[in-house]
Amino acid sequence: MSEEITFDSESPGVVRLAGPLTIDTCTRLFHQMEHHRERGIAIDILDLGDVTRVDSAGLALLLEWQSRRTAEGGRLRMKNAPSGLIHLAKLGNAVDLLEVSGKETAE
């Protein structure tokens, strides 16, 4: 059974993700974000409160988005990060690279 992640642009600059943020969903999600970027729609906040699972591909995608947004002169903040994301970021020494708040402190 294939799981999907949903991408909901709930208000200007804010995107809510729901579902698994994994290797199986990252390609489609990357294209959705690129579509927004190409249309000149800046995304400043990612609400990750409904993300059910994160793997290393999901972490890599978030790091890529963070890097691109910074290169554009903006900031990408991630709120309501699941503890699994924070745990992965700690394991990969990437906590300081992500501007993330979640259910567990990143310290």
N, C-alpha and C. Protein backbone atom coordinates (compact mmCIF):
# COMPACT_ATOMS: atom_id res chain seq x y z
N MET A 1 0.84 -1.18 0.00
CA MET A 1 0.00 0.00 0.00
C MET A 1 0.88 1.24 0.00
N SER A 2 0.65 2.12 -0.92
CA SER A 2 1.42 3.35 -1.05
C SER A 2 0.80 4.44 -0.18
N GLU A 3 1.64 5.05 0.64
CA GLU A 3 1.16 6.15 1.47
C GLU A 3 1.50 7.46 0.78
N GLU A 4 0.73 8.47 1.06
CA GLU A 4 0.97 9.77 0.46
C GLU A 4 1.07 10.83 1.52
N ILE A 5 1.81 11.86 1.18
CA ILE A 5 1.89 13.03 2.04
C ILE A 5 1.08 14.13 1.37
N THR A 6 0.36 14.89 2.16
CA THR A 6 -0.40 15.99 1.59
C THR A 6 0.32 17.30 1.83
N PHE A 7 0.15 18.19 0.89
CA PHE A 7 0.79 19.50 0.86
C PHE A 7 -0.33 20.50 0.79
N ASP A 8 -0.57 21.22 1.89
CA ASP A 8 -1.69 22.15 1.95
C ASP A 8 -1.17 23.54 2.23
N SER A 9 -1.31 24.42 1.25
CA SER A 9 -0.90 25.81 1.42
C SER A 9 -2.07 26.55 2.04
N GLU A 10 -2.11 26.53 3.38
CA GLU A 10 -3.27 27.02 4.11
C GLU A 10 -3.39 28.54 4.13
N SER A 11 -2.29 29.24 4.08
CA SER A 11 -2.30 30.70 4.03
C SER A 11 -1.00 31.15 3.40
N PRO A 12 -0.91 32.38 2.95
CA PRO A 12 0.31 32.83 2.28
C PRO A 12 1.55 32.58 3.14
N GLY A 13 2.52 31.90 2.55
CA GLY A 13 3.78 31.65 3.23
C GLY A 13 3.79 30.46 4.17
N VAL A 14 2.63 29.81 4.36
CA VAL A 14 2.54 28.68 5.30
C VAL A 14 2.08 27.43 4.56
N VAL A 15 2.81 26.34 4.78
CA VAL A 15 2.43 25.06 4.20
C VAL A 15 2.34 24.03 5.32
N ARG A 16 1.26 23.27 5.32
CA ARG A 16 1.08 22.19 6.29
C ARG A 16 1.31 20.86 5.56
N LEU A 17 2.18 20.04 6.12
CA LEU A 17 2.42 18.71 5.58
C LEU A 17 1.74 17.69 6.46
N ALA A 18 1.18 16.65 5.84
CA ALA A 18 0.52 15.59 6.59
C ALA A 18 0.85 14.26 5.94
N GLY A 19 1.17 13.26 6.77
CA GLY A 19 1.51 11.93 6.27
C GLY A 19 2.99 11.66 6.43
N PRO A 20 3.47 10.60 5.80
CA PRO A 20 4.88 10.24 5.93
C PRO A 20 5.79 11.10 5.05
N LEU A 21 6.87 11.56 5.63
CA LEU A 21 7.89 12.32 4.91
C LEU A 21 9.07 11.37 4.73
N THR A 22 8.96 10.55 3.68
CA THR A 22 9.91 9.46 3.48
C THR A 22 10.38 9.41 2.03
N ILE A 23 11.27 8.49 1.77
CA ILE A 23 11.80 8.32 0.42
C ILE A 23 10.67 8.09 -0.59
N ASP A 24 9.58 7.48 -0.16
CA ASP A 24 8.46 7.20 -1.05
C ASP A 24 7.65 8.45 -1.41
N THR A 25 7.75 9.50 -0.61
CA THR A 25 6.93 10.70 -0.84
C THR A 25 7.74 11.94 -1.20
N CYS A 26 9.04 11.89 -1.02
CA CYS A 26 9.86 13.10 -1.19
C CYS A 26 9.91 13.63 -2.62
N THR A 27 9.94 12.77 -3.61
CA THR A 27 10.03 13.26 -4.99
C THR A 27 8.81 14.11 -5.35
N ARG A 28 7.63 13.60 -5.05
CA ARG A 28 6.41 14.35 -5.36
C ARG A 28 6.37 15.66 -4.57
N LEU A 29 6.75 15.59 -3.32
CA LEU A 29 6.74 16.77 -2.47
C LEU A 29 7.75 17.81 -2.96
N PHE A 30 8.91 17.36 -3.39
CA PHE A 30 9.91 18.26 -3.95
C PHE A 30 9.34 19.02 -5.14
N HIS A 31 8.65 18.31 -6.03
CA HIS A 31 8.07 18.95 -7.21
C HIS A 31 6.98 19.96 -6.83
N GLN A 32 6.21 19.66 -5.81
CA GLN A 32 5.18 20.61 -5.37
C GLN A 32 5.82 21.89 -4.83
N MET A 33 6.87 21.74 -4.04
CA MET A 33 7.55 22.91 -3.51
C MET A 33 8.20 23.72 -4.63
N GLU A 34 8.81 23.03 -5.59
CA GLU A 34 9.44 23.72 -6.72
C GLU A 34 8.40 24.48 -7.53
N HIS A 35 7.23 23.90 -7.70
CA HIS A 35 6.15 24.57 -8.43
C HIS A 35 5.81 25.90 -7.75
N HIS A 36 5.70 25.87 -6.42
CA HIS A 36 5.43 27.10 -5.68
C HIS A 36 6.56 28.11 -5.89
N ARG A 37 7.79 27.64 -5.76
CA ARG A 37 8.95 28.52 -5.89
C ARG A 37 9.03 29.15 -7.27
N GLU A 38 8.79 28.36 -8.30
CA GLU A 38 8.83 28.86 -9.68
C GLU A 38 7.75 29.90 -9.95
N ARG A 39 6.66 29.81 -9.23
CA ARG A 39 5.58 30.79 -9.37
C ARG A 39 5.81 32.02 -8.50
N GLY A 40 6.94 32.05 -7.79
CA GLY A 40 7.27 33.19 -6.94
C GLY A 40 6.57 33.19 -5.60
N ILE A 41 6.07 32.04 -5.18
CA ILE A 41 5.38 31.93 -3.90
C ILE A 41 6.39 31.49 -2.85
N ALA A 42 6.72 32.39 -1.95
CA ALA A 42 7.69 32.08 -0.90
C ALA A 42 7.02 31.29 0.21
N ILE A 43 7.69 30.27 0.67
CA ILE A 43 7.21 29.49 1.80
C ILE A 43 8.14 29.79 2.97
N ASP A 44 7.57 30.35 4.03
CA ASP A 44 8.35 30.76 5.19
C ASP A 44 8.16 29.84 6.39
N ILE A 45 7.02 29.14 6.43
CA ILE A 45 6.74 28.25 7.57
C ILE A 45 6.22 26.92 7.05
N LEU A 46 6.83 25.85 7.54
CA LEU A 46 6.32 24.49 7.29
C LEU A 46 5.76 23.98 8.60
N ASP A 47 4.48 23.66 8.61
CA ASP A 47 3.85 23.07 9.79
C ASP A 47 3.92 21.56 9.62
N LEU A 48 4.70 20.92 10.47
CA LEU A 48 4.94 19.48 10.38
C LEU A 48 4.13 18.69 11.40
N GLY A 49 3.14 19.32 12.01
CA GLY A 49 2.38 18.69 13.08
C GLY A 49 1.65 17.42 12.70
N ASP A 50 1.32 17.25 11.42
CA ASP A 50 0.60 16.06 10.98
C ASP A 50 1.48 15.08 10.21
N VAL A 51 2.80 15.28 10.27
CA VAL A 51 3.72 14.33 9.65
C VAL A 51 3.79 13.11 10.55
N THR A 52 3.55 11.95 9.97
CA THR A 52 3.45 10.72 10.76
C THR A 52 4.77 9.96 10.88
N ARG A 53 5.66 10.15 9.92
CA ARG A 53 6.92 9.40 9.92
C ARG A 53 7.94 10.18 9.10
N VAL A 54 9.20 10.14 9.52
CA VAL A 54 10.27 10.82 8.79
C VAL A 54 11.45 9.87 8.69
N ASP A 55 12.05 9.80 7.49
CA ASP A 55 13.29 9.05 7.34
C ASP A 55 14.39 10.00 6.87
N SER A 56 15.56 9.45 6.58
CA SER A 56 16.69 10.30 6.20
C SER A 56 16.43 11.08 4.92
N ALA A 57 15.64 10.54 4.00
CA ALA A 57 15.30 11.27 2.78
C ALA A 57 14.45 12.50 3.12
N GLY A 58 13.54 12.35 4.05
CA GLY A 58 12.73 13.47 4.49
C GLY A 58 13.56 14.56 5.14
N LEU A 59 14.51 14.15 5.99
CA LEU A 59 15.41 15.11 6.61
C LEU A 59 16.23 15.83 5.55
N ALA A 60 16.75 15.08 4.58
CA ALA A 60 17.55 15.69 3.51
C ALA A 60 16.73 16.70 2.71
N LEU A 61 15.47 16.38 2.45
CA LEU A 61 14.61 17.30 1.71
C LEU A 61 14.39 18.60 2.50
N LEU A 62 14.16 18.48 3.79
CA LEU A 62 13.97 19.68 4.62
C LEU A 62 15.24 20.53 4.64
N LEU A 63 16.39 19.87 4.73
CA LEU A 63 17.66 20.61 4.70
C LEU A 63 17.86 21.32 3.37
N GLU A 64 17.47 20.67 2.28
CA GLU A 64 17.57 21.29 0.95
C GLU A 64 16.67 22.52 0.86
N TRP A 65 15.43 22.40 1.34
CA TRP A 65 14.51 23.54 1.31
C TRP A 65 15.04 24.68 2.16
N GLN A 66 15.59 24.32 3.33
CA GLN A 66 16.16 25.34 4.22
C GLN A 66 17.28 26.08 3.49
N SER A 67 18.15 25.35 2.83
CA SER A 67 19.28 25.93 2.11
C SER A 67 18.80 26.84 0.97
N ARG A 68 17.83 26.39 0.21
CA ARG A 68 17.32 27.18 -0.91
C ARG A 68 16.66 28.47 -0.42
N ARG A 69 15.90 28.37 0.64
CA ARG A 69 15.21 29.56 1.16
C ARG A 69 16.22 30.57 1.68
N THR A 70 17.26 30.10 2.35
CA THR A 70 18.32 30.98 2.84
C THR A 70 19.04 31.65 1.67
N ALA A 71 19.32 30.89 0.62
CA ALA A 71 19.99 31.44 -0.57
C ALA A 71 19.15 32.52 -1.24
N GLU A 72 17.84 32.43 -1.09
CA GLU A 72 16.92 33.43 -1.66
C GLU A 72 16.80 34.66 -0.76
N GLY A 73 17.47 34.62 0.39
CA GLY A 73 17.40 35.74 1.32
C GLY A 73 16.27 35.65 2.32
N GLY A 74 15.65 34.50 2.42
CA GLY A 74 14.54 34.33 3.35
C GLY A 74 14.88 33.36 4.47
N ARG A 75 13.86 33.01 5.21
CA ARG A 75 13.99 32.04 6.30
C ARG A 75 12.88 31.01 6.15
N LEU A 76 13.22 29.77 6.41
CA LEU A 76 12.22 28.71 6.45
C LEU A 76 12.20 28.16 7.86
N ARG A 77 11.08 28.39 8.53
CA ARG A 77 10.92 27.86 9.89
C ARG A 77 10.01 26.65 9.83
N MET A 78 10.33 25.68 10.66
CA MET A 78 9.52 24.46 10.73
C MET A 78 8.96 24.36 12.14
N LYS A 79 7.64 24.25 12.21
CA LYS A 79 7.01 24.17 13.53
C LYS A 79 6.31 22.83 13.68
N ASN A 80 6.08 22.47 14.94
CA ASN A 80 5.40 21.22 15.29
C ASN A 80 6.11 20.00 14.73
N ALA A 81 7.43 20.04 14.74
CA ALA A 81 8.21 18.92 14.21
C ALA A 81 8.00 17.68 15.07
N PRO A 82 7.79 16.53 14.43
CA PRO A 82 7.65 15.29 15.20
C PRO A 82 8.98 14.92 15.85
N SER A 83 8.89 14.22 16.96
CA SER A 83 10.10 13.84 17.70
C SER A 83 11.05 13.01 16.84
N GLY A 84 10.51 12.22 15.90
CA GLY A 84 11.36 11.41 15.02
C GLY A 84 12.26 12.27 14.15
N LEU A 85 11.77 13.41 13.70
CA LEU A 85 12.59 14.32 12.90
C LEU A 85 13.70 14.91 13.75
N ILE A 86 13.36 15.34 14.93
CA ILE A 86 14.37 15.92 15.82
C ILE A 86 15.42 14.88 16.17
N HIS A 87 14.99 13.65 16.41
CA HIS A 87 15.93 12.57 16.71
C HIS A 87 16.88 12.33 15.53
N LEU A 88 16.34 12.25 14.32
CA LEU A 88 17.19 12.07 13.13
C LEU A 88 18.16 13.23 12.95
N ALA A 89 17.68 14.44 13.16
CA ALA A 89 18.55 15.61 13.03
C ALA A 89 19.68 15.57 14.05
N LYS A 90 19.37 15.12 15.26
CA LYS A 90 20.43 14.97 16.27
C LYS A 90 21.45 13.93 15.85
N LEU A 91 20.98 12.80 15.36
CA LEU A 91 21.89 11.74 14.92
C LEU A 91 22.80 12.20 13.80
N GLY A 92 22.28 13.02 12.92
CA GLY A 92 23.06 13.51 11.78
C GLY A 92 23.75 14.84 12.03
N ASN A 93 23.78 15.27 13.30
CA ASN A 93 24.37 16.56 13.65
C ASN A 93 23.82 17.69 12.79
N ALA A 94 22.52 17.65 12.52
CA ALA A 94 21.89 18.64 11.65
C ALA A 94 20.92 19.56 12.39
N VAL A 95 20.84 19.41 13.70
CA VAL A 95 19.88 20.22 14.47
C VAL A 95 20.15 21.71 14.27
N ASP A 96 21.42 22.10 14.29
CA ASP A 96 21.75 23.52 14.16
C ASP A 96 21.49 24.05 12.76
N LEU A 97 21.35 23.18 11.78
CA LEU A 97 21.08 23.61 10.41
C LEU A 97 19.61 23.89 10.16
N LEU A 98 18.75 23.26 10.93
CA LEU A 98 17.30 23.42 10.76
C LEU A 98 16.77 24.45 11.75
N GLU A 99 15.88 25.29 11.29
CA GLU A 99 15.18 26.19 12.19
C GLU A 99 13.87 25.51 12.53
N VAL A 100 13.91 24.72 13.61
CA VAL A 100 12.81 23.81 13.89
C VAL A 100 12.37 23.93 15.34
N SER A 101 11.06 23.84 15.54
CA SER A 101 10.51 23.72 16.88
C SER A 101 9.58 22.52 16.85
N GLY A 102 9.51 21.84 17.98
CA GLY A 102 8.68 20.64 17.96
C GLY A 102 8.18 20.24 19.32
N LYS A 103 7.78 19.00 19.37
CA LYS A 103 7.19 18.44 20.57
C LYS A 103 8.27 18.10 21.60
N GLU A 104 9.51 18.08 21.16
CA GLU A 104 10.66 17.75 22.00
C GLU A 104 11.69 18.83 21.73
N THR A 105 12.42 19.24 22.74
CA THR A 105 13.41 20.29 22.50
C THR A 105 14.53 19.74 21.65
N ALA A 106 15.12 20.59 20.87
CA ALA A 106 16.21 20.18 19.97
C ALA A 106 17.56 20.29 20.65
N GLU A 107 17.60 20.57 21.93
CA GLU A 107 18.89 20.70 22.62
C GLU A 107 19.31 19.41 23.25
